[in-house]
Protein backbone atom coordinates (compact mmCIF):
# COMPACT_ATOMS: atom_id res chain seq x y z
CA MET A 1 206.93 37.71 -35.93
CA THR A 2 209.10 38.56 -38.87
CA HIS A 3 212.26 37.40 -40.54
CA VAL A 4 215.53 39.31 -40.38
CA VAL A 5 218.49 39.59 -42.75
CA THR A 6 221.74 39.47 -40.77
CA GLU A 7 225.39 40.35 -41.40
CA SER A 8 226.07 37.33 -43.61
CA CYS A 9 224.26 39.03 -46.50
CA ARG A 10 226.76 41.89 -46.62
CA GLY A 11 229.13 41.57 -49.52
CA CYS A 12 227.18 38.80 -51.21
CA ARG A 13 223.74 40.11 -52.02
CA PHE A 14 222.51 36.83 -53.39
CA THR A 15 218.89 37.63 -54.14
CA ASP A 16 217.43 34.14 -54.37
CA CYS A 17 215.35 35.08 -51.33
CA VAL A 18 213.60 37.86 -53.22
CA THR A 19 212.09 35.52 -55.79
CA SER A 20 210.70 33.24 -53.07
CA CYS A 21 208.85 36.05 -51.27
CA PRO A 22 205.10 36.18 -51.95
CA VAL A 23 204.65 39.73 -50.62
CA ALA A 24 207.70 41.68 -51.87
CA CYS A 25 209.05 42.56 -48.42
CA PHE A 26 212.69 42.83 -49.51
CA HIS A 27 214.57 46.09 -50.00
CA VAL A 28 218.02 46.44 -51.54
CA ASN A 29 221.05 48.70 -51.49
CA GLU A 30 224.47 48.37 -53.08
CA VAL A 31 225.77 45.70 -50.65
CA ARG A 32 222.84 43.70 -49.24
CA VAL A 33 219.10 43.16 -48.84
CA TYR A 34 216.79 43.89 -45.91
CA ILE A 35 213.33 42.68 -44.88
CA ASN A 36 210.54 45.12 -44.13
CA PRO A 37 209.01 43.80 -40.88
CA GLN A 38 205.74 45.61 -41.64
CA VAL A 39 205.28 43.63 -44.88
CA CYS A 40 206.81 40.22 -44.02
CA ILE A 41 204.10 37.60 -43.45
CA ASP A 42 206.45 35.17 -41.71
CA CYS A 43 206.01 32.47 -44.35
CA GLY A 44 209.64 31.30 -44.13
CA ALA A 45 210.10 30.78 -47.87
CA CYS A 46 213.18 33.00 -47.91
CA ILE A 47 215.15 31.06 -45.31
CA PRO A 48 216.07 28.00 -47.41
CA ALA A 49 216.53 30.21 -50.49
CA CYS A 50 219.47 32.11 -48.96
CA PRO A 51 222.77 30.44 -49.90
CA VAL A 52 224.60 32.06 -46.96
CA ARG A 53 221.91 31.48 -44.33
CA ALA A 54 221.67 35.20 -43.65
CA ILE A 55 217.93 35.13 -42.94
CA VAL A 56 216.58 34.03 -39.58
CA GLU A 57 213.29 34.21 -37.78
CA GLU A 58 213.13 37.05 -35.31
CA PHE A 59 212.72 34.76 -32.30
CA ASP A 60 215.82 32.78 -33.35
CA LEU A 61 218.12 35.81 -33.25
CA PRO A 62 220.80 35.54 -30.57
CA GLU A 63 220.70 38.43 -28.14
CA ASP A 64 223.90 39.93 -29.57
CA GLN A 65 222.19 40.15 -32.99
CA LEU A 66 218.87 41.71 -31.98
CA HIS A 67 220.08 45.01 -33.44
CA TRP A 68 219.43 43.53 -36.91
CA MET A 69 215.70 43.90 -36.36
CA ASP A 70 216.07 47.66 -36.10
CA ILE A 71 218.59 47.81 -38.96
CA ASN A 72 216.20 45.96 -41.29
CA ALA A 73 213.23 48.14 -40.30
CA LYS A 74 215.10 51.40 -40.84
CA ALA A 75 216.72 50.26 -44.10
CA ALA A 76 213.33 49.21 -45.47
CA GLU A 77 212.24 52.83 -45.13
CA ARG A 78 215.27 54.11 -47.07
CA TYR A 79 215.85 51.61 -49.87
CA PRO A 80 213.67 50.48 -52.76
CA VAL A 81 211.69 47.27 -52.89
CA ILE A 82 213.27 44.52 -54.94
CA ARG A 83 211.08 41.95 -56.69
CA THR A 84 213.47 40.32 -59.15
CA LYS A 85 216.75 38.51 -58.77
CA LEU A 86 219.96 40.48 -59.31
CA PRO A 87 223.39 39.07 -60.07
CA PRO A 88 225.38 38.50 -56.87
CA LEU A 89 228.09 40.99 -56.05
CA ASP A 90 231.62 40.44 -57.28
CA GLY A 91 233.31 38.22 -54.73
CA ALA A 92 230.03 36.73 -53.46
CA ASP A 93 231.13 33.14 -54.02
CA GLU A 94 234.34 33.76 -52.09
CA ARG A 95 232.35 35.38 -49.27
CA ARG A 96 230.06 32.34 -49.19
CA ARG A 97 233.11 30.07 -48.86
CA GLN A 98 234.48 32.27 -46.05
CA LEU A 99 231.18 31.89 -44.24
CA GLY A 100 231.46 28.12 -44.59
CA PHE A 101 228.72 27.47 -47.15
């Protein structure tokens, strides 16, 4: 099993999750992060670190969100690994409030 970053990350890009990961499985682009399913060890450390609850375990994904597994896998091939925390995107706090967190 692996963990998956879902839509809630878009527009926030809080990277607290990255610093909790023991194996550097996160990849980043200009709007969000992704998890490489080939590297994730399913430790779960990233889940409570995400302030917008964008990370879920693969088996907890609702059927209408299963596409995020493929999105994360493909994005991990395209984008660089991130190992250090970045500042959140402009408007991230507002996005978090919109998401109810």
